[in-house]
C-alpha atoms as a PDB file:
ATOM      1  CA  MET A   1     -42.997  -8.697  25.849  1.00  0.00           C
ATOM      2  CA  SER A   2     -43.422 -10.980  22.842  1.00  0.00           C
ATOM      3  CA  ASN A   3     -40.630 -13.102  21.465  1.00  0.00           C
ATOM      4  CA  ARG A   4     -40.704 -11.018  18.286  1.00  0.00           C
ATOM      5  CA  TYR A   5     -39.914  -7.795  20.148  1.00  0.00           C
ATOM      6  CA  ILE A   6     -37.232  -9.485  22.240  1.00  0.00           C
ATOM      7  CA  LEU A   7     -35.573 -10.701  19.051  1.00  0.00           C
ATOM      8  CA  LEU A   8     -35.721  -7.220  17.514  1.00  0.00           C
ATOM      9  CA  LEU A   9     -34.219  -5.743  20.688  1.00  0.00           C
ATOM     10  CA  VAL A  10     -31.354  -8.249  20.629  1.00  0.00           C
ATOM     11  CA  PHE A  11     -30.547  -7.428  16.998  1.00  0.00           C
ATOM     12  CA  PHE A  12     -30.672  -3.706  17.772  1.00  0.00           C
ATOM     13  CA  LEU A  13     -28.246  -4.042  20.696  1.00  0.00           C
ATOM     14  CA  LEU A  14     -25.906  -6.223  18.655  1.00  0.00           C
ATOM     15  CA  PHE A  15     -25.898  -3.635  15.881  1.00  0.00           C
ATOM     16  CA  CYS A  16     -25.219  -0.736  18.255  1.00  0.00           C
ATOM     17  CA  PHE A  17     -22.344  -2.380  20.104  1.00  0.00           C
ATOM     18  CA  MET A  18     -20.790  -4.345  17.266  1.00  0.00           C
ATOM     19  CA  PRO A  19     -17.055  -3.491  17.088  1.00  0.00           C
ATOM     20  CA  LEU A  20     -16.243  -1.404  14.030  1.00  0.00           C
ATOM     21  CA  ARG A  21     -13.529  -2.637  11.731  1.00  0.00           C
ATOM     22  CA  ALA A  22     -12.805  -1.217   8.321  1.00  0.00           C
ATOM     23  CA  SER A  23     -15.263   1.448   7.207  1.00  0.00           C
ATOM     24  CA  ALA A  24     -16.254   0.625   3.660  1.00  0.00           C
ATOM     25  CA  PHE A  25     -17.006   3.367   1.233  1.00  0.00           C
ATOM     26  CA  THR A  26     -18.192   3.323  -2.328  1.00  0.00           C
ATOM     27  CA  HIS A  27     -19.011   5.994  -4.845  1.00  0.00           C
ATOM     28  CA  ALA A  28     -22.411   6.480  -3.109  1.00  0.00           C
ATOM     29  CA  THR A  29     -21.127   7.601   0.323  1.00  0.00           C
ATOM     30  CA  PRO A  30     -20.557  11.320   1.046  1.00  0.00           C
ATOM     31  CA  GLU A  31     -17.186  10.685   2.722  1.00  0.00           C
ATOM     32  CA  PHE A  32     -15.664   8.898  -0.219  1.00  0.00           C
ATOM     33  CA  THR A  33     -17.317  11.286  -2.659  1.00  0.00           C
ATOM     34  CA  ALA A  34     -15.466  14.179  -0.984  1.00  0.00           C
ATOM     35  CA  PHE A  35     -12.143  12.325  -0.904  1.00  0.00           C
ATOM     36  CA  ALA A  36     -12.569  11.078  -4.468  1.00  0.00           C
ATOM     37  CA  SER A  37     -13.277  14.640  -5.565  1.00  0.00           C
ATOM     38  CA  GLU A  38     -10.030  15.812  -3.945  1.00  0.00           C
ATOM     39  CA  LEU A  39      -8.194  12.957  -5.637  1.00  0.00           C
ATOM     40  CA  LYS A  40      -9.646  13.757  -9.044  1.00  0.00           C
ATOM     41  CA  GLN A  41      -8.805  17.454  -8.734  1.00  0.00           C
ATOM     42  CA  HIS A  42      -5.239  16.695  -7.705  1.00  0.00           C
ATOM     43  CA  PHE A  43      -4.887  14.036 -10.377  1.00  0.00           C
ATOM     44  CA  ALA A  44      -6.029  16.581 -12.984  1.00  0.00           C
ATOM     45  CA  LYS A  45      -3.345  19.021 -11.805  1.00  0.00           C
ATOM     46  CA  LEU A  46      -0.795  16.260 -12.343  1.00  0.00           C
ATOM     47  CA  GLY A  47      -2.199  15.433 -15.783  1.00  0.00           C
ATOM     48  CA  TRP A  48      -3.669  12.071 -14.706  1.00  0.00           C
ATOM     49  CA  THR A  49      -7.004  12.404 -16.467  1.00  0.00           C
ATOM     50  CA  ASP A  50      -7.181   8.668 -17.248  1.00  0.00           C
ATOM     51  CA  LEU A  51      -7.600   7.588 -13.611  1.00  0.00           C
ATOM     52  CA  HIS A  52     -11.061   6.879 -12.174  1.00  0.00           C
ATOM     53  CA  PRO A  53     -10.707   6.030  -8.460  1.00  0.00           C
ATOM     54  CA  GLU A  54     -14.481   6.052  -8.016  1.00  0.00           C
ATOM     55  CA  ARG A  55     -14.664   2.815 -10.048  1.00  0.00           C
ATOM     56  CA  VAL A  56     -13.065   0.830  -7.219  1.00  0.00           C
ATOM     57  CA  ALA A  57     -14.657  -0.059  -3.861  1.00  0.00           C
ATOM     58  CA  TRP A  58     -12.385   1.321  -1.127  1.00  0.00           C
ATOM     59  CA  SER A  59     -12.238   0.835   2.645  1.00  0.00           C
ATOM     60  CA  TYR A  60     -10.269   2.468   5.456  1.00  0.00           C
ATOM     61  CA  TYR A  61      -9.055   1.643   8.967  1.00  0.00           C
ATOM     62  CA  ARG A  62      -7.999   5.082  10.120  1.00  0.00           C
ATOM     63  CA  LYS A  63      -7.266   8.616   8.994  1.00  0.00           C
ATOM     64  CA  THR A  64      -4.218  10.854   8.816  1.00  0.00           C
ATOM     65  CA  GLN A  65      -3.501  13.829  11.046  1.00  0.00           C
ATOM     66  CA  LEU A  66      -5.335  16.013   8.503  1.00  0.00           C
ATOM     67  CA  LYS A  67      -8.348  13.651   8.569  1.00  0.00           C
ATOM     68  CA  ARG A  68      -7.834  12.082   5.166  1.00  0.00           C
ATOM     69  CA  PRO A  69      -8.829   8.397   4.969  1.00  0.00           C
ATOM     70  CA  LEU A  70      -6.076   5.851   4.513  1.00  0.00           C
ATOM     71  CA  ILE A  71      -7.717   3.786   1.840  1.00  0.00           C
ATOM     72  CA  PHE A  72      -7.231   0.240   0.603  1.00  0.00           C
ATOM     73  CA  SER A  73      -9.125  -2.213  -1.565  1.00  0.00           C
ATOM     74  CA  THR A  74      -9.265  -5.994  -1.600  1.00  0.00           C
ATOM     75  CA  PHE A  75      -9.513  -8.246  -4.635  1.00  0.00           C
ATOM     76  CA  GLY A  76     -10.304 -11.942  -4.308  1.00  0.00           C
ATOM     77  CA  GLU A  77     -11.432 -14.136  -1.425  1.00  0.00           C
ATOM     78  CA  ASP A  78      -8.832 -16.894  -1.006  1.00  0.00           C
ATOM     79  CA  ASP A  79      -7.020 -16.481   2.326  1.00  0.00           C
ATOM     80  CA  LYS A  80      -4.359 -19.070   1.498  1.00  0.00           C
ATOM     81  CA  ASP A  81      -2.429 -16.789  -0.860  1.00  0.00           C
ATOM     82  CA  ILE A  82      -2.379 -13.093   0.066  1.00  0.00           C
ATOM     83  CA  ILE A  83      -0.385 -10.267  -1.534  1.00  0.00           C
ATOM     84  CA  LEU A  84      -0.121  -6.722  -0.148  1.00  0.00           C
ATOM     85  CA  LEU A  85       0.645  -3.817  -2.517  1.00  0.00           C
ATOM     86  CA  LEU A  86       1.671  -0.403  -1.160  1.00  0.00           C
ATOM     87  CA  ALA A  87       2.477   2.967  -2.746  1.00  0.00           C
ATOM     88  CA  GLY A  88       2.597   6.661  -1.945  1.00  0.00           C
ATOM     89  CA  VAL A  89       4.540   6.088   1.279  1.00  0.00           C
ATOM     90  CA  HIS A  90       6.515   9.212   0.405  1.00  0.00           C
ATOM     91  CA  GLY A  91       4.318  12.072  -0.757  1.00  0.00           C
ATOM     92  CA  ASP A  92       6.810  13.344  -3.333  1.00  0.00           C
ATOM     93  CA  GLU A  93       6.998  10.042  -5.239  1.00  0.00           C
ATOM     94  CA  SER A  94       3.972  10.689  -7.443  1.00  0.00           C
ATOM     95  CA  PRO A  95       4.400   7.975 -10.115  1.00  0.00           C
ATOM     96  CA  SER A  96       4.056   5.249  -7.486  1.00  0.00           C
ATOM     97  CA  VAL A  97       0.583   6.600  -6.664  1.00  0.00           C
ATOM     98  CA  TYR A  98      -0.445   6.682 -10.325  1.00  0.00           C
ATOM     99  CA  VAL A  99       0.814   3.129 -10.859  1.00  0.00           C
ATOM    100  CA  MET A 100      -1.165   1.740  -7.922  1.00  0.00           C
ATOM    101  CA  PHE A 101      -4.455   3.497  -8.735  1.00  0.00           C
ATOM    102  CA  ARG A 102      -4.087   2.355 -12.331  1.00  0.00           C
ATOM    103  CA  LEU A 103      -3.355  -1.165 -11.115  1.00  0.00           C
ATOM    104  CA  ALA A 104      -6.518  -1.126  -8.971  1.00  0.00           C
ATOM    105  CA  GLU A 105      -8.616  -0.422 -12.054  1.00  0.00           C
ATOM    106  CA  PHE A 106      -6.692  -3.057 -14.011  1.00  0.00           C
ATOM    107  CA  LEU A 107      -7.401  -5.680 -11.323  1.00  0.00           C
ATOM    108  CA  LYS A 108     -11.066  -4.746 -11.259  1.00  0.00           C
ATOM    109  CA  ASP A 109     -11.236  -5.452 -14.982  1.00  0.00           C
ATOM    110  CA  HIS A 110      -9.264  -8.731 -14.755  1.00  0.00           C
ATOM    111  CA  PRO A 111     -10.705 -10.899 -11.964  1.00  0.00           C
ATOM    112  CA  GLU A 112      -8.898 -13.933 -13.362  1.00  0.00           C
ATOM    113  CA  LEU A 113      -5.696 -12.537 -11.818  1.00  0.00           C
ATOM    114  CA  TYR A 114      -6.966 -13.101  -8.275  1.00  0.00           C
ATOM    115  CA  ARG A 115      -9.283 -16.071  -8.712  1.00  0.00           C
ATOM    116  CA  ASN A 116      -7.311 -18.233  -6.253  1.00  0.00           C
ATOM    117  CA  LYS A 117      -5.785 -15.530  -4.075  1.00  0.00           C
ATOM    118  CA  LYS A 118      -6.416 -12.240  -2.326  1.00  0.00           C
ATOM    119  CA  ILE A 119      -4.734  -8.950  -3.218  1.00  0.00           C
ATOM    120  CA  ILE A 120      -4.819  -5.986  -0.836  1.00  0.00           C
ATOM    121  CA  LEU A 121      -3.903  -2.703  -2.478  1.00  0.00           C
ATOM    122  CA  ALA A 122      -3.171   0.540  -0.587  1.00  0.00           C
ATOM    123  CA  PRO A 123      -2.343   3.144  -3.249  1.00  0.00           C
ATOM    124  CA  LEU A 124      -1.725   6.256  -1.119  1.00  0.00           C
ATOM    125  CA  VAL A 125      -0.196   5.621   2.298  1.00  0.00           C
ATOM    126  CA  ASN A 126       0.822   9.269   2.799  1.00  0.00           C
ATOM    127  CA  PRO A 127      -1.969  11.447   1.366  1.00  0.00           C
ATOM    128  CA  ASP A 128      -1.056  14.498   3.471  1.00  0.00           C
ATOM    129  CA  GLY A 129       2.415  14.684   1.922  1.00  0.00           C
ATOM    130  CA  PHE A 130       1.008  13.931  -1.527  1.00  0.00           C
ATOM    131  CA  PHE A 131      -1.641  16.686  -1.451  1.00  0.00           C
ATOM    132  CA  LYS A 132       0.692  19.467  -0.307  1.00  0.00           C
ATOM    133  CA  PRO A 133       1.178  22.236  -2.916  1.00  0.00           C
ATOM    134  CA  THR A 134       4.842  21.273  -2.815  1.00  0.00           C
ATOM    135  CA  GLN A 135       4.804  17.553  -2.204  1.00  0.00           C
ATOM    136  CA  THR A 136       6.922  16.232   0.666  1.00  0.00           C
ATOM    137  CA  ARG A 137       8.543  12.917   1.502  1.00  0.00           C
ATOM    138  CA  THR A 138       7.232  13.195   5.060  1.00  0.00           C
ATOM    139  CA  ASN A 139       3.691  13.259   6.421  1.00  0.00           C
ATOM    140  CA  ALA A 140       1.897  16.230   8.031  1.00  0.00           C
ATOM    141  CA  SER A 141       3.962  15.743  11.210  1.00  0.00           C
ATOM    142  CA  GLY A 142       7.242  15.820   9.296  1.00  0.00           C
ATOM    143  CA  VAL A 143       7.843  12.080   9.807  1.00  0.00           C
ATOM    144  CA  ASP A 144       9.312   9.742   7.200  1.00  0.00           C
ATOM    145  CA  ILE A 145       6.841   6.849   7.298  1.00  0.00           C
ATOM    146  CA  ASN A 146       9.510   4.465   5.993  1.00  0.00           C
ATOM    147  CA  ARG A 147      11.645   5.105   9.080  1.00  0.00           C
ATOM    148  CA  ASN A 148       8.821   4.855  11.648  1.00  0.00           C
ATOM    149  CA  PHE A 149       8.238   1.081  11.860  1.00  0.00           C
ATOM    150  CA  PRO A 150       9.016  -0.487  15.282  1.00  0.00           C
ATOM    151  CA  THR A 151      12.130  -2.406  14.250  1.00  0.00           C
ATOM    152  CA  ARG A 152      14.516  -3.669  16.891  1.00  0.00           C
ATOM    153  CA  ASP A 153      17.142  -1.121  15.800  1.00  0.00           C
ATOM    154  CA  TRP A 154      14.765   1.891  15.652  1.00  0.00           C
ATOM    155  CA  HIS A 155      16.197   5.011  17.279  1.00  0.00           C
ATOM    156  CA  PRO A 156      15.309   8.722  17.352  1.00  0.00           C
ATOM    157  CA  GLY A 157      16.885  10.881  14.697  1.00  0.00           C
ATOM    158  CA  LYS A 158      17.198  14.447  13.513  1.00  0.00           C
ATOM    159  CA  ARG A 159      14.312  16.447  12.110  1.00  0.00           C
ATOM    160  CA  ASN A 160      15.020  16.207   8.407  1.00  0.00           C
ATOM    161  CA  ARG A 161      13.412  14.425   5.460  1.00  0.00           C
ATOM    162  CA  TYR A 162      14.321  11.086   7.079  1.00  0.00           C
ATOM    163  CA  TYR A 163      12.995  11.979  10.550  1.00  0.00           C
ATOM    164  CA  PRO A 164      11.811   8.671  12.126  1.00  0.00           C
ATOM    165  CA  GLY A 165       9.322  10.316  14.487  1.00  0.00           C
ATOM    166  CA  PRO A 166       9.193  10.910  18.251  1.00  0.00           C
ATOM    167  CA  THR A 167       8.657   7.182  18.912  1.00  0.00           C
ATOM    168  CA  ALA A 168       8.489   4.050  16.805  1.00  0.00           C
ATOM    169  CA  SER A 169       5.079   3.509  15.185  1.00  0.00           C
ATOM    170  CA  SER A 170       3.942   6.963  16.294  1.00  0.00           C
ATOM    171  CA  GLU A 171       2.179   7.761  13.003  1.00  0.00           C
ATOM    172  CA  ASN A 172      -1.258   6.690  11.843  1.00  0.00           C
ATOM    173  CA  GLU A 173       0.166   5.891   8.410  1.00  0.00           C
ATOM    174  CA  THR A 174       2.540   3.379  10.029  1.00  0.00           C
ATOM    175  CA  LYS A 175      -0.181   1.908  12.225  1.00  0.00           C
ATOM    176  CA  PHE A 176      -2.342   1.560   9.131  1.00  0.00           C
ATOM    177  CA  GLN A 177       0.254  -0.567   7.346  1.00  0.00           C
ATOM    178  CA  ILE A 178       0.887  -2.689  10.442  1.00  0.00           C
ATOM    179  CA  ALA A 179      -2.879  -3.243  10.762  1.00  0.00           C
ATOM    180  CA  LEU A 180      -2.971  -4.536   7.192  1.00  0.00           C
ATOM    181  CA  LEU A 181      -0.075  -6.887   7.940  1.00  0.00           C
ATOM    182  CA  ASN A 182      -1.635  -8.174  11.152  1.00  0.00           C
ATOM    183  CA  HIS A 183      -5.138  -8.565   9.776  1.00  0.00           C
ATOM    184  CA  TYR A 184      -4.398 -10.084   6.363  1.00  0.00           C
ATOM    185  CA  ARG A 185      -1.034 -11.786   7.052  1.00  0.00           C
ATOM    186  CA  PRO A 186       0.283 -11.555   3.466  1.00  0.00           C
ATOM    187  CA  SER A 187       2.853 -14.009   2.163  1.00  0.00           C
ATOM    188  CA  ARG A 188       4.468 -11.269   0.061  1.00  0.00           C
ATOM    189  CA  ILE A 189       4.555  -7.501  -0.243  1.00  0.00           C
ATOM    190  CA  ILE A 190       5.323  -5.129  -3.090  1.00  0.00           C
ATOM    191  CA  SER A 191       6.075  -1.542  -2.088  1.00  0.00           C
ATOM    192  CA  VAL A 192       6.512   0.986  -4.907  1.00  0.00           C
ATOM    193  CA  HIS A 193       8.834   3.993  -4.526  1.00  0.00           C
ATOM    194  CA  SER A 194      10.985   6.264  -6.710  1.00  0.00           C
ATOM    195  CA  PRO A 195      13.406   7.456  -8.141  1.00  0.00           C
ATOM    196  CA  LEU A 196      16.297   4.987  -7.715  1.00  0.00           C
ATOM    197  CA  GLY A 197      15.221   2.808 -10.649  1.00  0.00           C
ATOM    198  CA  CYS A 198      15.771  -0.736  -9.369  1.00  0.00           C
ATOM    199  CA  TYR A 199      14.391  -3.806  -7.598  1.00  0.00           C
ATOM    200  CA  ASP A 200      15.365  -4.398  -3.963  1.00  0.00           C
ATOM    201  CA  TYR A 201      14.367  -7.554  -2.071  1.00  0.00           C
ATOM    202  CA  ASP A 202      14.213  -8.169   1.678  1.00  0.00           C
ATOM    203  CA  GLY A 203      12.912 -11.305   3.280  1.00  0.00           C
ATOM    204  CA  PRO A 204      13.468 -14.904   4.309  1.00  0.00           C
ATOM    205  CA  CYS A 205      15.999 -17.200   2.667  1.00  0.00           C
ATOM    206  CA  SER A 206      13.605 -20.064   1.954  1.00  0.00           C
ATOM    207  CA  ASN A 207      13.147 -20.428  -1.808  1.00  0.00           C
ATOM    208  CA  ILE A 208      15.697 -17.653  -2.288  1.00  0.00           C
ATOM    209  CA  ASP A 209      17.142 -19.380  -5.381  1.00  0.00           C
ATOM    210  CA  ALA A 210      13.771 -19.415  -7.112  1.00  0.00           C
ATOM    211  CA  MET A 211      13.175 -15.837  -5.992  1.00  0.00           C
ATOM    212  CA  MET A 212      16.466 -14.659  -7.480  1.00  0.00           C
ATOM    213  CA  VAL A 213      15.740 -16.409 -10.798  1.00  0.00           C
ATOM    214  CA  TRP A 214      12.388 -14.627 -10.919  1.00  0.00           C
ATOM    215  CA  LEU A 215      13.895 -11.256  -9.974  1.00  0.00           C
ATOM    216  CA  LYS A 216      16.546 -11.522 -12.665  1.00  0.00           C
ATOM    217  CA  LYS A 217      13.868 -12.305 -15.237  1.00  0.00           C
ATOM    218  CA  MET A 218      11.756  -9.327 -14.119  1.00  0.00           C
ATOM    219  CA  SER A 219      14.848  -7.126 -14.149  1.00  0.00           C
ATOM    220  CA  LYS A 220      15.580  -8.119 -17.737  1.00  0.00           C
ATOM    221  CA  ASP A 221      11.975  -7.598 -18.852  1.00  0.00           C
ATOM    222  CA  SER A 222      11.562  -4.173 -17.229  1.00  0.00           C
ATOM    223  CA  GLY A 223      15.097  -2.860 -17.646  1.00  0.00           C
ATOM    224  CA  LEU A 224      15.354  -2.101 -13.924  1.00  0.00           C
ATOM    225  CA  PRO A 225      18.510  -3.518 -12.312  1.00  0.00           C
ATOM    226  CA  LEU A 226      18.444  -5.715  -9.228  1.00  0.00           C
ATOM    227  CA  ARG A 227      20.303  -4.089  -6.338  1.00  0.00           C
ATOM    228  CA  ARG A 228      20.600  -4.894  -2.669  1.00  0.00           C
ATOM    229  CA  TYR A 229      20.496  -1.897  -0.366  1.00  0.00           C
ATOM    230  CA  LYS A 230      21.122  -2.071   3.328  1.00  0.00           C
ATOM    231  CA  VAL A 231      17.988  -2.067   5.439  1.00  0.00           C
ATOM    232  CA  PHE A 232      17.362   1.047   7.501  1.00  0.00           C
ATOM    233  CA  PRO A 233      16.082   1.325  11.058  1.00  0.00           C
ATOM    234  CA  GLY A 234      12.311   1.721  10.957  1.00  0.00           C
ATOM    235  CA  SER A 235      11.895   0.761   7.293  1.00  0.00           C
ATOM    236  CA  LEU A 236       9.270  -1.616   5.902  1.00  0.00           C
ATOM    237  CA  GLY A 237      11.947  -3.866   4.393  1.00  0.00           C
ATOM    238  CA  ASN A 238      13.533  -4.201   7.813  1.00  0.00           C
ATOM    239  CA  TYR A 239      10.286  -4.633   9.750  1.00  0.00           C
ATOM    240  CA  ALA A 240       8.319  -6.864   7.367  1.00  0.00           C
ATOM    241  CA  GLY A 241      11.109  -8.519   5.390  1.00  0.00           C
ATOM    242  CA  MET A 242      13.907  -9.059   7.881  1.00  0.00           C
ATOM    243  CA  GLU A 243      12.051  -9.260  11.204  1.00  0.00           C
ATOM    244  CA  ARG A 244       8.657 -10.704  10.236  1.00  0.00           C
ATOM    245  CA  LYS A 245      10.058 -12.883   7.435  1.00  0.00           C
ATOM    246  CA  ILE A 246       7.589 -11.734   4.782  1.00  0.00           C
ATOM    247  CA  HIS A 247       8.863 -11.673   1.203  1.00  0.00           C
ATOM    248  CA  THR A 248       9.135  -7.918   0.582  1.00  0.00           C
ATOM    249  CA  LEU A 249       9.971  -6.477  -2.816  1.00  0.00           C
ATOM    250  CA  THR A 250      10.619  -2.760  -3.170  1.00  0.00           C
ATOM    251  CA  ILE A 251      10.250  -1.466  -6.706  1.00  0.00           C
ATOM    252  CA  GLU A 252      12.024   1.855  -7.208  1.00  0.00           C
ATOM    253  CA  LEU A 253      10.700   3.641 -10.275  1.00  0.00           C
ATOM    254  CA  PRO A 254      13.365   5.537 -12.237  1.00  0.00           C
ATOM    255  CA  SER A 255      11.713   8.958 -11.894  1.00  0.00           C
ATOM    256  CA  SER A 256       9.535  10.918  -9.458  1.00  0.00           C
ATOM    257  CA  ALA A 257       8.124  13.150 -12.201  1.00  0.00           C
ATOM    258  CA  PRO A 258       4.303  12.931 -12.245  1.00  0.00           C
ATOM    259  CA  ASN A 259       4.212  12.510 -16.027  1.00  0.00           C
ATOM    260  CA  GLN A 260       6.149   9.238 -15.737  1.00  0.00           C
ATOM    261  CA  GLY A 261       3.269   7.353 -14.104  1.00  0.00           C
ATOM    262  CA  GLN A 262       1.771   5.806 -17.221  1.00  0.00           C
ATOM    263  CA  ILE A 263       5.186   4.852 -18.596  1.00  0.00           C
ATOM    264  CA  SER A 264       6.037   3.180 -15.281  1.00  0.00           C
ATOM    265  CA  PHE A 265       2.758   1.252 -15.192  1.00  0.00           C
ATOM    266  CA  ASP A 266       3.256  -0.092 -18.711  1.00  0.00           C
ATOM    267  CA  ARG A 267       6.825  -0.993 -17.835  1.00  0.00           C
ATOM    268  CA  LEU A 268       5.929  -2.889 -14.658  1.00  0.00           C
ATOM    269  CA  ARG A 269       2.534  -4.398 -15.394  1.00  0.00           C
ATOM    270  CA  LYS A 270       4.141  -7.748 -16.207  1.00  0.00           C
ATOM    271  CA  THR A 271       5.995  -7.682 -12.865  1.00  0.00           C
ATOM    272  CA  PHE A 272       2.785  -7.114 -10.905  1.00  0.00           C
ATOM    273  CA  ILE A 273       0.971  -9.892 -12.740  1.00  0.00           C
ATOM    274  CA  SER A 274       3.892 -12.279 -12.310  1.00  0.00           C
ATOM    275  CA  MET A 275       4.193 -11.478  -8.582  1.00  0.00           C
ATOM    276  CA  THR A 276       0.590 -12.586  -8.049  1.00  0.00           C
ATOM    277  CA  GLU A 277       1.427 -15.945  -9.604  1.00  0.00           C
ATOM    278  CA  LEU A 278       4.468 -16.872  -7.499  1.00  0.00           C
ATOM    279  CA  ALA A 279       3.087 -20.004  -5.875  1.00  0.00           C
ATOM    280  CA  PHE A 280       6.483 -20.883  -4.388  1.00  0.00           C
ATOM    281  CA  LEU A 281       6.198 -17.824  -2.115  1.00  0.00           C
ATOM    282  CA  SER A 282       2.718 -18.664  -0.854  1.00  0.00           C
ATOM    283  CA  LYS A 283       2.187 -19.852   2.699  1.00  0.00           C
END
């Protein structure tokens, strides 16, 4: 056998047995085309005709129980300064989803915002709850994703809207977020929720004075008060902020009404831009 054929055989075997990581999809792939179509139809029902998710290149690690991809997109290449943005953790908090899809398009149009950093954006962590005719806080298994993280104080609970699941980290949506944390190792996280209308910070105490000055400025600019809630067993703030010592900011939008998405984005755009520029929180 010639060296040429041996080389071709080696490349073929490497291709076949190469471990799969994130599956990338763009507007040209059938899988994303189907999911994007479902998104667009649902967005239209909510009155979000200004969103164009097909403009952004998305990837996924895994799917939900109902086989919907858990999508994310990355902006920028610098691994020294990494920010993770999350939304749609609770399916009935629609404006958070609008804000993050709108932000993805905004970032695509403004590459100067991530020239010296990397931003990972996951706009819809709980698509199964979001796509239900009557949206639900929980996923298709009835689990509250923000009570399912494997914190040291996690414990089983009752089957209600805060049900933490049969075991810690039992849900694909939780595993998806943990995979993003482990793979990208962000220095800071923004998770968008609703409808408490405030900022809530969890994380390490280093640079806490500078962080509080920044939070107070953002609070004044956006009109959202700064409040400190207790951390809950199985929550992201507990798992990422308190236990893994990652600066974790939860932004609670003031309303869960779908028509408040654009208002919320305009209100918080300055916060998102400013969060990407916080060099004192970089690793």
